[in-house]
Amino acid sequence: MWWASSGRAVKEESEPCVLSLSLPPGFTQRREPCSGKRPSKRGTFLPLVLVPARNDRSLLVSVAMGLAPLGSFLVVLLTLLWLGSRWLRRRGAGWGHRTLCTAGPARADDVRALVVTAHPDDEAMFFAPTILSLGRFRAQLWLLCCSSGNFYNQGEIRKKELVQSCSVLGIPSSNVTVIDHRDLPDDPAVEWDTHLLSTFVLEHVETNCINLLITFDAGGVSGHANHIALYMALRYLQSEGKLPEGCQVLTLKSVNLLRKYISILDVPISCLQSQDVLFILTKEESEQAKRAMRCHHSQLLWFRHTYILFSRFMVINSLCCL
């Protein structure tokens, strides 16, 4: 800095201002010159740069050692959860029989159940544990699919895949009905008419002397508008008293995204949750459910394979009375 004194130019040397900082552990400070910058009137501030100290490797080792107990705890927890899930899975194969007799008919072999779905592949993706468990209890089964799944113009193909899937699940083709109505398209943007749906369902209930109806709950499991429309139709039938006396309605309980994709690890959680009927498949039955899902060749994109491997709905169904 230059300034005039007694007619002579005098140069004032700027002194650097030293700033004392408290540094985090494992870091040191380094001054870097302000080359090319005009110094401040009160002096030159040299910027401080925090850099890792030379013993940064030991810091990382210390952090890793600190996290090791947490990692070991998580491994032990997951192992216990997996072992507990397998034990409950073996023990829980017969629970559905007892809870079903409590919620519905007095004898499981007296059950005449109609599973109401929205699209071909719903029966395998969501209801396989219910269908296979009811078949194990010698219940009679019917399936009513309320659309042909023609969103991508594959309706005829998907009808044939549905019949094959139901055959694997134990539902004869004569008990499988597909509604192909112009007002009930496979389209989440279209709101299905509740009265029209309830008319089709009631017709099947009365024709086949159904005493147990099974469909989605208010969340639709996946949130699909067509799934939710089925719940609304069955709720309408029940609230209006149009169902035959003794006909019960069970809805498939929706779960959050995390529980949806932890497969058998959700068994202990499901056992602790409130529901009226709980169906858990054995390992052999789970393989049967996967074979049914693989019958829907037109729908087997990469994410469907992921669903088959990890979805709890391929193993567990929790149902609540409507």
C-alpha atoms as a PDB file:
ATOM      1  CA  MET A   1       0.000   0.000   0.000  1.00  0.00           C
ATOM      2  CA  TRP A   2       1.383   3.371  -0.985  1.00  0.00           C
ATOM      3  CA  TRP A   3       0.673   6.624   0.829  1.00  0.00           C
ATOM      4  CA  ALA A   4       2.129  10.176   0.795  1.00  0.00           C
ATOM      5  CA  SER A   5       4.112  11.508   3.745  1.00  0.00           C
ATOM      6  CA  SER A   6       6.301  14.682   3.699  1.00  0.00           C
ATOM      7  CA  GLY A   7       6.154  14.717  -0.074  1.00  0.00           C
ATOM      8  CA  ARG A   8       7.616  11.208  -0.378  1.00  0.00           C
ATOM      9  CA  ALA A   9       5.908   8.037  -1.345  1.00  0.00           C
ATOM     10  CA  VAL A  10       6.183   5.454   1.357  1.00  0.00           C
ATOM     11  CA  LYS A  11       5.323   1.769   0.888  1.00  0.00           C
ATOM     12  CA  GLU A  12       3.589   0.064   3.758  1.00  0.00           C
ATOM     13  CA  GLU A  13       4.181  -3.652   4.004  1.00  0.00           C
ATOM     14  CA  SER A  14       0.991  -5.530   4.757  1.00  0.00           C
ATOM     15  CA  GLU A  15       1.277  -8.040   7.537  1.00  0.00           C
ATOM     16  CA  PRO A  16      -0.612 -11.271   7.160  1.00  0.00           C
ATOM     17  CA  CYS A  17      -3.445 -11.817   9.639  1.00  0.00           C
ATOM     18  CA  VAL A  18      -3.174 -15.169  11.303  1.00  0.00           C
ATOM     19  CA  LEU A  19      -6.490 -16.834  12.220  1.00  0.00           C
ATOM     20  CA  SER A  20      -6.485 -19.542  14.835  1.00  0.00           C
ATOM     21  CA  LEU A  21      -8.972 -22.352  14.079  1.00  0.00           C
ATOM     22  CA  SER A  22     -10.026 -25.472  15.939  1.00  0.00           C
ATOM     23  CA  LEU A  23      -9.485 -28.254  13.433  1.00  0.00           C
ATOM     24  CA  PRO A  24     -11.352 -31.540  13.327  1.00  0.00           C
ATOM     25  CA  PRO A  25      -9.364 -34.630  14.310  1.00  0.00           C
ATOM     26  CA  GLY A  26      -7.188 -35.961  11.525  1.00  0.00           C
ATOM     27  CA  PHE A  27      -6.861 -32.627   9.635  1.00  0.00           C
ATOM     28  CA  THR A  28      -4.096 -30.041   9.360  1.00  0.00           C
ATOM     29  CA  GLN A  29      -4.095 -26.486   7.969  1.00  0.00           C
ATOM     30  CA  ARG A  30      -2.117 -25.152   5.022  1.00  0.00           C
ATOM     31  CA  ARG A  31      -1.665 -21.529   3.907  1.00  0.00           C
ATOM     32  CA  GLU A  32      -1.803 -20.746   0.225  1.00  0.00           C
ATOM     33  CA  PRO A  33      -0.608 -17.380  -1.202  1.00  0.00           C
ATOM     34  CA  CYS A  34      -3.051 -14.960  -2.787  1.00  0.00           C
ATOM     35  CA  SER A  35      -1.182 -14.598  -6.051  1.00  0.00           C
ATOM     36  CA  GLY A  36      -2.629 -12.061  -8.430  1.00  0.00           C
ATOM     37  CA  LYS A  37      -5.112 -10.643  -5.914  1.00  0.00           C
ATOM     38  CA  ARG A  38      -5.119  -7.121  -4.569  1.00  0.00           C
ATOM     39  CA  PRO A  39      -4.285  -7.116  -0.854  1.00  0.00           C
ATOM     40  CA  SER A  40      -6.797  -5.830   1.644  1.00  0.00           C
ATOM     41  CA  LYS A  41      -6.378  -2.386   3.198  1.00  0.00           C
ATOM     42  CA  ARG A  42      -5.992  -3.937   6.630  1.00  0.00           C
ATOM     43  CA  GLY A  43      -3.576  -6.575   5.569  1.00  0.00           C
ATOM     44  CA  THR A  44      -3.351  -9.703   3.520  1.00  0.00           C
ATOM     45  CA  PHE A  45      -5.465 -12.697   4.532  1.00  0.00           C
ATOM     46  CA  LEU A  46      -3.916 -15.977   3.546  1.00  0.00           C
ATOM     47  CA  PRO A  47      -6.645 -18.578   2.944  1.00  0.00           C
ATOM     48  CA  LEU A  48      -6.459 -21.700   5.039  1.00  0.00           C
ATOM     49  CA  VAL A  49      -7.082 -25.051   3.393  1.00  0.00           C
ATOM     50  CA  LEU A  50      -7.970 -28.061   5.513  1.00  0.00           C
ATOM     51  CA  VAL A  51      -6.209 -31.184   4.340  1.00  0.00           C
ATOM     52  CA  PRO A  52      -6.181 -34.667   5.820  1.00  0.00           C
ATOM     53  CA  ALA A  53      -3.274 -35.350   8.082  1.00  0.00           C
ATOM     54  CA  ARG A  54      -0.699 -37.884   7.066  1.00  0.00           C
ATOM     55  CA  ASN A  55      -2.220 -40.494   9.364  1.00  0.00           C
ATOM     56  CA  ASP A  56      -5.542 -40.560   7.409  1.00  0.00           C
ATOM     57  CA  ARG A  57      -5.177 -44.296   6.861  1.00  0.00           C
ATOM     58  CA  SER A  58      -5.201 -44.897  10.582  1.00  0.00           C
ATOM     59  CA  LEU A  59      -8.330 -42.725  10.814  1.00  0.00           C
ATOM     60  CA  LEU A  60     -10.125 -44.887   8.274  1.00  0.00           C
ATOM     61  CA  VAL A  61      -9.047 -47.998  10.118  1.00  0.00           C
ATOM     62  CA  SER A  62     -10.416 -46.542  13.357  1.00  0.00           C
ATOM     63  CA  VAL A  63     -13.753 -45.764  11.704  1.00  0.00           C
ATOM     64  CA  ALA A  64     -13.970 -49.263  10.237  1.00  0.00           C
ATOM     65  CA  MET A  65     -13.191 -50.821  13.612  1.00  0.00           C
ATOM     66  CA  GLY A  66     -15.881 -48.671  15.203  1.00  0.00           C
ATOM     67  CA  LEU A  67     -18.499 -49.846  12.668  1.00  0.00           C
ATOM     68  CA  ALA A  68     -17.523 -53.521  12.876  1.00  0.00           C
ATOM     69  CA  PRO A  69     -19.688 -54.288  15.945  1.00  0.00           C
ATOM     70  CA  LEU A  70     -22.704 -52.709  14.225  1.00  0.00           C
ATOM     71  CA  GLY A  71     -22.137 -54.818  11.114  1.00  0.00           C
ATOM     72  CA  SER A  72     -21.802 -57.972  13.205  1.00  0.00           C
ATOM     73  CA  PHE A  73     -25.021 -57.135  15.056  1.00  0.00           C
ATOM     74  CA  LEU A  74     -26.912 -56.691  11.772  1.00  0.00           C
ATOM     75  CA  VAL A  75     -25.604 -59.994  10.421  1.00  0.00           C
ATOM     76  CA  VAL A  76     -26.675 -61.824  13.582  1.00  0.00           C
ATOM     77  CA  LEU A  77     -30.082 -60.092  13.520  1.00  0.00           C
ATOM     78  CA  LEU A  78     -30.742 -61.025   9.887  1.00  0.00           C
ATOM     79  CA  THR A  79     -29.607 -64.606  10.516  1.00  0.00           C
ATOM     80  CA  LEU A  80     -31.983 -64.972  13.470  1.00  0.00           C
ATOM     81  CA  LEU A  81     -34.797 -63.383  11.453  1.00  0.00           C
ATOM     82  CA  TRP A  82     -34.192 -65.800   8.576  1.00  0.00           C
ATOM     83  CA  LEU A  83     -34.080 -68.863  10.865  1.00  0.00           C
ATOM     84  CA  GLY A  84     -37.200 -67.689  12.694  1.00  0.00           C
ATOM     85  CA  SER A  85     -38.984 -67.138   9.381  1.00  0.00           C
ATOM     86  CA  ARG A  86     -38.185 -70.676   8.238  1.00  0.00           C
ATOM     87  CA  TRP A  87     -39.408 -72.152  11.533  1.00  0.00           C
ATOM     88  CA  LEU A  88     -42.631 -70.146  11.456  1.00  0.00           C
ATOM     89  CA  ARG A  89     -43.129 -71.058   7.825  1.00  0.00           C
ATOM     90  CA  ARG A  90     -43.067 -74.772   8.668  1.00  0.00           C
ATOM     91  CA  ARG A  91     -45.321 -74.319  11.700  1.00  0.00           C
ATOM     92  CA  GLY A  92     -47.681 -71.857  10.006  1.00  0.00           C
ATOM     93  CA  ALA A  93     -48.815 -74.072   7.133  1.00  0.00           C
ATOM     94  CA  GLY A  94     -51.909 -75.133   9.109  1.00  0.00           C
ATOM     95  CA  TRP A  95     -52.734 -71.802  10.725  1.00  0.00           C
ATOM     96  CA  GLY A  96     -54.892 -70.712   7.794  1.00  0.00           C
ATOM     97  CA  HIS A  97     -57.180 -73.697   8.360  1.00  0.00           C
ATOM     98  CA  ARG A  98     -57.976 -72.656  11.935  1.00  0.00           C
ATOM     99  CA  THR A  99     -58.322 -68.950  11.217  1.00  0.00           C
ATOM    100  CA  LEU A 100     -60.428 -69.612   8.114  1.00  0.00           C
ATOM    101  CA  CYS A 101     -62.884 -71.753  10.092  1.00  0.00           C
ATOM    102  CA  THR A 102     -63.125 -68.927  12.625  1.00  0.00           C
ATOM    103  CA  ALA A 103     -63.748 -66.243   9.992  1.00  0.00           C
ATOM    104  CA  GLY A 104     -65.869 -68.233   7.537  1.00  0.00           C
ATOM    105  CA  PRO A 105     -67.616 -71.600   7.232  1.00  0.00           C
ATOM    106  CA  ALA A 106     -67.424 -74.047  10.117  1.00  0.00           C
ATOM    107  CA  ARG A 107     -65.516 -76.592   8.002  1.00  0.00           C
ATOM    108  CA  ALA A 108     -62.790 -75.707   5.528  1.00  0.00           C
ATOM    109  CA  ASP A 109     -63.968 -78.396   3.095  1.00  0.00           C
ATOM    110  CA  ASP A 110     -67.380 -76.688   3.029  1.00  0.00           C
ATOM    111  CA  VAL A 111     -65.802 -73.579   1.519  1.00  0.00           C
ATOM    112  CA  ARG A 112     -66.965 -72.566  -1.946  1.00  0.00           C
ATOM    113  CA  ALA A 113     -64.657 -69.660  -2.676  1.00  0.00           C
ATOM    114  CA  LEU A 114     -64.731 -67.148  -5.518  1.00  0.00           C
ATOM    115  CA  VAL A 115     -61.503 -65.207  -6.067  1.00  0.00           C
ATOM    116  CA  VAL A 116     -62.250 -61.918  -7.846  1.00  0.00           C
ATOM    117  CA  THR A 117     -59.295 -60.392  -9.723  1.00  0.00           C
ATOM    118  CA  ALA A 118     -58.859 -57.504 -12.135  1.00  0.00           C
ATOM    119  CA  HIS A 119     -56.349 -58.871 -14.678  1.00  0.00           C
ATOM    120  CA  PRO A 120     -54.878 -62.159 -15.856  1.00  0.00           C
ATOM    121  CA  ASP A 121     -51.785 -62.836 -13.668  1.00  0.00           C
ATOM    122  CA  ASP A 122     -53.346 -61.274 -10.508  1.00  0.00           C
ATOM    123  CA  GLU A 123     -54.241 -64.769  -9.320  1.00  0.00           C
ATOM    124  CA  ALA A 124     -50.558 -65.812  -9.345  1.00  0.00           C
ATOM    125  CA  MET A 125     -48.931 -62.502  -8.415  1.00  0.00           C
ATOM    126  CA  PHE A 126     -51.100 -61.767  -5.393  1.00  0.00           C
ATOM    127  CA  PHE A 127     -53.464 -64.615  -4.458  1.00  0.00           C
ATOM    128  CA  ALA A 128     -51.360 -67.762  -4.967  1.00  0.00           C
ATOM    129  CA  PRO A 129     -50.923 -68.388  -1.191  1.00  0.00           C
ATOM    130  CA  THR A 130     -54.686 -68.098  -0.674  1.00  0.00           C
ATOM    131  CA  ILE A 131     -55.621 -70.311  -3.633  1.00  0.00           C
ATOM    132  CA  LEU A 132     -53.054 -73.020  -2.860  1.00  0.00           C
ATOM    133  CA  SER A 133     -53.901 -73.035   0.851  1.00  0.00           C
ATOM    134  CA  LEU A 134     -57.629 -73.343   0.152  1.00  0.00           C
ATOM    135  CA  GLY A 135     -56.872 -76.179  -2.247  1.00  0.00           C
ATOM    136  CA  ARG A 136     -54.850 -77.876   0.496  1.00  0.00           C
ATOM    137  CA  PHE A 137     -57.944 -77.661   2.730  1.00  0.00           C
ATOM    138  CA  ARG A 138     -60.061 -79.246  -0.062  1.00  0.00           C
ATOM    139  CA  ALA A 139     -62.113 -76.114  -0.674  1.00  0.00           C
ATOM    140  CA  GLN A 140     -63.882 -75.675  -4.028  1.00  0.00           C
ATOM    141  CA  LEU A 141     -62.502 -72.759  -6.015  1.00  0.00           C
ATOM    142  CA  TRP A 142     -63.731 -70.431  -8.740  1.00  0.00           C
ATOM    143  CA  LEU A 143     -61.973 -67.472 -10.349  1.00  0.00           C
ATOM    144  CA  LEU A 144     -63.637 -64.394 -11.821  1.00  0.00           C
ATOM    145  CA  CYS A 145     -61.241 -62.149 -13.769  1.00  0.00           C
ATOM    146  CA  CYS A 146     -62.903 -58.840 -14.575  1.00  0.00           C
ATOM    147  CA  SER A 147     -60.863 -57.933 -17.690  1.00  0.00           C
ATOM    148  CA  SER A 148     -58.909 -59.680 -20.418  1.00  0.00           C
ATOM    149  CA  GLY A 149     -55.755 -57.640 -19.786  1.00  0.00           C
ATOM    150  CA  ASN A 150     -55.916 -56.098 -23.241  1.00  0.00           C
ATOM    151  CA  PHE A 151     -53.962 -52.920 -22.445  1.00  0.00           C
ATOM    152  CA  TYR A 152     -51.240 -53.877 -24.966  1.00  0.00           C
ATOM    153  CA  ASN A 153     -53.640 -55.734 -27.310  1.00  0.00           C
ATOM    154  CA  GLN A 154     -52.667 -59.101 -25.840  1.00  0.00           C
ATOM    155  CA  GLY A 155     -56.094 -60.034 -24.501  1.00  0.00           C
ATOM    156  CA  GLU A 156     -56.469 -63.388 -26.273  1.00  0.00           C
ATOM    157  CA  ILE A 157     -52.945 -64.473 -25.332  1.00  0.00           C
ATOM    158  CA  ARG A 158     -53.460 -63.513 -21.699  1.00  0.00           C
ATOM    159  CA  LYS A 159     -56.738 -65.450 -21.471  1.00  0.00           C
ATOM    160  CA  LYS A 160     -54.928 -68.650 -22.461  1.00  0.00           C
ATOM    161  CA  GLU A 161     -52.111 -67.898 -19.999  1.00  0.00           C
ATOM    162  CA  LEU A 162     -54.687 -67.397 -17.252  1.00  0.00           C
ATOM    163  CA  VAL A 163     -56.221 -70.825 -17.846  1.00  0.00           C
ATOM    164  CA  GLN A 164     -52.754 -72.435 -17.731  1.00  0.00           C
ATOM    165  CA  SER A 165     -51.870 -70.602 -14.524  1.00  0.00           C
ATOM    166  CA  CYS A 166     -55.133 -71.602 -12.839  1.00  0.00           C
ATOM    167  CA  SER A 167     -54.515 -75.213 -13.821  1.00  0.00           C
ATOM    168  CA  VAL A 168     -51.169 -75.104 -11.994  1.00  0.00           C
ATOM    169  CA  LEU A 169     -52.894 -73.544  -8.959  1.00  0.00           C
ATOM    170  CA  GLY A 170     -55.594 -76.201  -8.907  1.00  0.00           C
ATOM    171  CA  ILE A 171     -58.556 -74.318 -10.398  1.00  0.00           C
ATOM    172  CA  PRO A 172     -60.164 -76.222 -13.306  1.00  0.00           C
ATOM    173  CA  SER A 173     -60.709 -74.315 -16.536  1.00  0.00           C
ATOM    174  CA  SER A 174     -64.490 -74.790 -16.184  1.00  0.00           C
ATOM    175  CA  ASN A 175     -64.347 -72.662 -13.016  1.00  0.00           C
ATOM    176  CA  VAL A 176     -62.436 -69.800 -14.656  1.00  0.00           C
ATOM    177  CA  THR A 177     -64.415 -66.878 -16.093  1.00  0.00           C
ATOM    178  CA  VAL A 178     -63.013 -63.820 -17.858  1.00  0.00           C
ATOM    179  CA  ILE A 179     -65.206 -60.749 -18.293  1.00  0.00           C
ATOM    180  CA  ASP A 180     -64.394 -58.933 -21.537  1.00  0.00           C
ATOM    181  CA  HIS A 181     -66.650 -55.888 -21.283  1.00  0.00           C
ATOM    182  CA  ARG A 182     -66.029 -52.602 -23.081  1.00  0.00           C
ATOM    183  CA  ASP A 183     -66.785 -50.626 -19.903  1.00  0.00           C
ATOM    184  CA  LEU A 184     -64.230 -52.646 -17.912  1.00  0.00           C
ATOM    185  CA  PRO A 185     -60.987 -52.130 -19.856  1.00  0.00           C
ATOM    186  CA  ASP A 186     -57.539 -52.930 -18.503  1.00  0.00           C
ATOM    187  CA  ASP A 187     -56.637 -49.307 -17.893  1.00  0.00           C
ATOM    188  CA  PRO A 188     -55.718 -47.622 -14.587  1.00  0.00           C
ATOM    189  CA  ALA A 189     -56.971 -44.315 -15.978  1.00  0.00           C
ATOM    190  CA  VAL A 190     -60.523 -45.659 -16.396  1.00  0.00           C
ATOM    191  CA  GLU A 191     -62.792 -45.818 -13.352  1.00  0.00           C
ATOM    192  CA  TRP A 192     -64.750 -49.045 -13.393  1.00  0.00           C
ATOM    193  CA  ASP A 193     -68.463 -48.825 -12.686  1.00  0.00           C
ATOM    194  CA  THR A 194     -69.238 -50.204  -9.216  1.00  0.00           C
ATOM    195  CA  HIS A 195     -72.793 -51.274 -10.046  1.00  0.00           C
ATOM    196  CA  LEU A 196     -71.713 -53.085 -13.219  1.00  0.00           C
ATOM    197  CA  LEU A 197     -68.987 -54.971 -11.345  1.00  0.00           C
ATOM    198  CA  SER A 198     -71.282 -55.880  -8.480  1.00  0.00           C
ATOM    199  CA  THR A 199     -73.822 -57.268 -10.950  1.00  0.00           C
ATOM    200  CA  PHE A 200     -71.261 -59.657 -12.469  1.00  0.00           C
ATOM    201  CA  VAL A 201     -69.988 -60.745  -9.048  1.00  0.00           C
ATOM    202  CA  LEU A 202     -73.462 -61.323  -7.608  1.00  0.00           C
ATOM    203  CA  GLU A 203     -74.430 -63.410 -10.638  1.00  0.00           C
ATOM    204  CA  HIS A 204     -71.454 -65.733 -10.052  1.00  0.00           C
ATOM    205  CA  VAL A 205     -72.119 -65.913  -6.319  1.00  0.00           C
ATOM    206  CA  GLU A 206     -75.726 -67.004  -6.815  1.00  0.00           C
ATOM    207  CA  THR A 207     -74.978 -69.380  -9.708  1.00  0.00           C
ATOM    208  CA  ASN A 208     -72.235 -71.287  -7.878  1.00  0.00           C
ATOM    209  CA  CYS A 209     -73.583 -71.033  -4.300  1.00  0.00           C
ATOM    210  CA  ILE A 210     -70.474 -69.152  -3.191  1.00  0.00           C
ATOM    211  CA  ASN A 211     -70.002 -68.692   0.567  1.00  0.00           C
ATOM    212  CA  LEU A 212     -66.584 -66.978   0.511  1.00  0.00           C
ATOM    213  CA  LEU A 213     -65.512 -64.015  -1.636  1.00  0.00           C
ATOM    214  CA  ILE A 214     -61.850 -62.957  -1.861  1.00  0.00           C
ATOM    215  CA  THR A 215     -60.483 -59.805  -3.487  1.00  0.00           C
ATOM    216  CA  PHE A 216     -58.191 -56.807  -2.920  1.00  0.00           C
ATOM    217  CA  ASP A 217     -58.498 -54.335  -0.057  1.00  0.00           C
ATOM    218  CA  ALA A 218     -58.958 -50.567  -0.294  1.00  0.00           C
ATOM    219  CA  GLY A 219     -55.255 -50.126  -1.120  1.00  0.00           C
ATOM    220  CA  GLY A 220     -55.359 -52.562  -4.002  1.00  0.00           C
ATOM    221  CA  VAL A 221     -51.966 -54.037  -2.890  1.00  0.00           C
ATOM    222  CA  SER A 222     -50.233 -52.177  -5.733  1.00  0.00           C
ATOM    223  CA  GLY A 223     -52.513 -49.133  -5.729  1.00  0.00           C
ATOM    224  CA  HIS A 224     -53.948 -50.027  -9.163  1.00  0.00           C
ATOM    225  CA  ALA A 225     -57.295 -48.312  -9.749  1.00  0.00           C
ATOM    226  CA  ASN A 226     -58.859 -51.486 -11.193  1.00  0.00           C
ATOM    227  CA  HIS A 227     -57.919 -53.437  -8.046  1.00  0.00           C
ATOM    228  CA  ILE A 228     -59.499 -50.813  -5.818  1.00  0.00           C
ATOM    229  CA  ALA A 229     -62.666 -50.862  -7.953  1.00  0.00           C
ATOM    230  CA  LEU A 230     -63.171 -54.541  -7.056  1.00  0.00           C
ATOM    231  CA  TYR A 231     -63.001 -53.710  -3.360  1.00  0.00           C
ATOM    232  CA  MET A 232     -65.568 -50.957  -3.836  1.00  0.00           C
ATOM    233  CA  ALA A 233     -67.926 -53.344  -5.667  1.00  0.00           C
ATOM    234  CA  LEU A 234     -67.776 -56.033  -2.973  1.00  0.00           C
ATOM    235  CA  ARG A 235     -68.127 -53.476  -0.215  1.00  0.00           C
ATOM    236  CA  TYR A 236     -71.226 -52.171  -1.979  1.00  0.00           C
ATOM    237  CA  LEU A 237     -72.729 -55.682  -2.173  1.00  0.00           C
ATOM    238  CA  GLN A 238     -72.124 -56.300   1.504  1.00  0.00           C
ATOM    239  CA  SER A 239     -73.263 -52.903   2.758  1.00  0.00           C
ATOM    240  CA  GLU A 240     -76.478 -53.143   0.717  1.00  0.00           C
ATOM    241  CA  GLY A 241     -77.177 -56.638   2.052  1.00  0.00           C
ATOM    242  CA  LYS A 242     -77.262 -58.170  -1.422  1.00  0.00           C
ATOM    243  CA  LEU A 243     -74.956 -61.093  -0.652  1.00  0.00           C
ATOM    244  CA  PRO A 244     -76.562 -64.411   0.359  1.00  0.00           C
ATOM    245  CA  GLU A 245     -76.741 -65.142   4.063  1.00  0.00           C
ATOM    246  CA  GLY A 246     -73.501 -66.652   5.366  1.00  0.00           C
ATOM    247  CA  CYS A 247     -71.379 -65.374   2.473  1.00  0.00           C
ATOM    248  CA  GLN A 248     -68.179 -63.878   3.884  1.00  0.00           C
ATOM    249  CA  VAL A 249     -65.835 -61.404   2.192  1.00  0.00           C
ATOM    250  CA  LEU A 250     -62.066 -61.489   2.740  1.00  0.00           C
ATOM    251  CA  THR A 251     -59.774 -58.750   1.430  1.00  0.00           C
ATOM    252  CA  LEU A 252     -56.048 -59.115   0.770  1.00  0.00           C
ATOM    253  CA  LYS A 253     -54.126 -56.824   3.096  1.00  0.00           C
ATOM    254  CA  SER A 254     -51.782 -54.286   1.484  1.00  0.00           C
ATOM    255  CA  VAL A 255     -48.329 -53.726   3.018  1.00  0.00           C
ATOM    256  CA  ASN A 256     -45.641 -51.081   2.658  1.00  0.00           C
ATOM    257  CA  LEU A 257     -42.948 -51.297  -0.021  1.00  0.00           C
ATOM    258  CA  LEU A 258     -40.230 -52.639   2.281  1.00  0.00           C
ATOM    259  CA  ARG A 259     -42.346 -55.516   3.594  1.00  0.00           C
ATOM    260  CA  LYS A 260     -43.587 -56.259   0.100  1.00  0.00           C
ATOM    261  CA  TYR A 261     -40.110 -57.257  -1.088  1.00  0.00           C
ATOM    262  CA  ILE A 262     -38.500 -59.142   1.797  1.00  0.00           C
ATOM    263  CA  SER A 263     -40.066 -62.517   0.934  1.00  0.00           C
ATOM    264  CA  ILE A 264     -40.131 -64.989   3.842  1.00  0.00           C
ATOM    265  CA  LEU A 265     -38.451 -62.493   6.182  1.00  0.00           C
ATOM    266  CA  ASP A 266     -41.895 -60.933   6.475  1.00  0.00           C
ATOM    267  CA  VAL A 267     -43.327 -64.075   8.098  1.00  0.00           C
ATOM    268  CA  PRO A 268     -42.532 -63.017  11.721  1.00  0.00           C
ATOM    269  CA  ILE A 269     -43.852 -59.506  11.044  1.00  0.00           C
ATOM    270  CA  SER A 270     -47.059 -60.892   9.522  1.00  0.00           C
ATOM    271  CA  CYS A 271     -47.553 -63.178  12.522  1.00  0.00           C
ATOM    272  CA  LEU A 272     -47.392 -60.169  14.829  1.00  0.00           C
ATOM    273  CA  GLN A 273     -49.758 -58.051  12.714  1.00  0.00           C
ATOM    274  CA  SER A 274     -53.530 -58.132  13.094  1.00  0.00           C
ATOM    275  CA  GLN A 275     -55.432 -60.087  10.446  1.00  0.00           C
ATOM    276  CA  ASP A 276     -58.350 -62.487  10.367  1.00  0.00           C
ATOM    277  CA  VAL A 277     -56.770 -65.148   8.136  1.00  0.00           C
ATOM    278  CA  LEU A 278     -53.079 -65.824   7.484  1.00  0.00           C
ATOM    279  CA  PHE A 279     -51.925 -68.179   4.732  1.00  0.00           C
ATOM    280  CA  ILE A 280     -48.251 -69.223   4.553  1.00  0.00           C
ATOM    281  CA  LEU A 281     -46.987 -71.507   1.791  1.00  0.00           C
ATOM    282  CA  THR A 282     -44.507 -74.308   2.265  1.00  0.00           C
ATOM    283  CA  LYS A 283     -41.358 -74.313   0.154  1.00  0.00           C
ATOM    284  CA  GLU A 284     -42.903 -76.792  -2.296  1.00  0.00           C
ATOM    285  CA  GLU A 285     -46.058 -74.713  -2.609  1.00  0.00           C
ATOM    286  CA  SER A 286     -43.998 -71.582  -3.216  1.00  0.00           C
ATOM    287  CA  GLU A 287     -42.342 -73.309  -6.164  1.00  0.00           C
ATOM    288  CA  GLN A 288     -45.814 -74.178  -7.441  1.00  0.00           C
ATOM    289  CA  ALA A 289     -46.834 -70.516  -7.182  1.00  0.00           C
ATOM    290  CA  LYS A 290     -43.741 -69.512  -9.175  1.00  0.00           C
ATOM    291  CA  ARG A 291     -44.601 -72.034 -11.890  1.00  0.00           C
ATOM    292  CA  ALA A 292     -48.076 -70.515 -12.112  1.00  0.00           C
ATOM    293  CA  MET A 293     -46.598 -67.050 -12.494  1.00  0.00           C
ATOM    294  CA  ARG A 294     -44.265 -68.256 -15.235  1.00  0.00           C
ATOM    295  CA  CYS A 295     -47.289 -69.356 -17.252  1.00  0.00           C
ATOM    296  CA  HIS A 296     -47.836 -65.668 -18.033  1.00  0.00           C
ATOM    297  CA  HIS A 297     -45.052 -65.579 -20.639  1.00  0.00           C
ATOM    298  CA  SER A 298     -46.225 -62.308 -22.184  1.00  0.00           C
ATOM    299  CA  GLN A 299     -45.773 -60.528 -18.850  1.00  0.00           C
ATOM    300  CA  LEU A 300     -42.377 -61.882 -17.808  1.00  0.00           C
ATOM    301  CA  LEU A 301     -40.298 -58.732 -18.093  1.00  0.00           C
ATOM    302  CA  TRP A 302     -37.145 -58.330 -15.959  1.00  0.00           C
ATOM    303  CA  PHE A 303     -38.970 -56.719 -13.029  1.00  0.00           C
ATOM    304  CA  ARG A 304     -41.469 -59.581 -12.915  1.00  0.00           C
ATOM    305  CA  HIS A 305     -38.608 -62.016 -12.362  1.00  0.00           C
ATOM    306  CA  THR A 306     -37.470 -59.789  -9.484  1.00  0.00           C
ATOM    307  CA  TYR A 307     -41.014 -59.826  -8.121  1.00  0.00           C
ATOM    308  CA  ILE A 308     -41.156 -63.632  -8.244  1.00  0.00           C
ATOM    309  CA  LEU A 309     -37.919 -63.884  -6.245  1.00  0.00           C
ATOM    310  CA  PHE A 310     -38.542 -61.266  -3.567  1.00  0.00           C
ATOM    311  CA  SER A 311     -42.261 -60.570  -3.171  1.00  0.00           C
ATOM    312  CA  ARG A 312     -43.886 -61.722   0.080  1.00  0.00           C
ATOM    313  CA  PHE A 313     -47.138 -62.239  -1.885  1.00  0.00           C
ATOM    314  CA  MET A 314     -45.564 -65.307  -3.453  1.00  0.00           C
ATOM    315  CA  VAL A 315     -45.357 -66.813   0.050  1.00  0.00           C
ATOM    316  CA  ILE A 316     -47.739 -65.009   2.431  1.00  0.00           C
ATOM    317  CA  ASN A 317     -51.301 -63.703   2.260  1.00  0.00           C
ATOM    318  CA  SER A 318     -52.814 -61.742   5.146  1.00  0.00           C
ATOM    319  CA  LEU A 319     -56.576 -61.306   4.776  1.00  0.00           C
ATOM    320  CA  CYS A 320     -59.144 -59.312   6.729  1.00  0.00           C
ATOM    321  CA  CYS A 321     -62.892 -59.707   6.909  1.00  0.00           C
ATOM    322  CA  LEU A 322     -64.780 -56.925   5.200  1.00  0.00           C
END
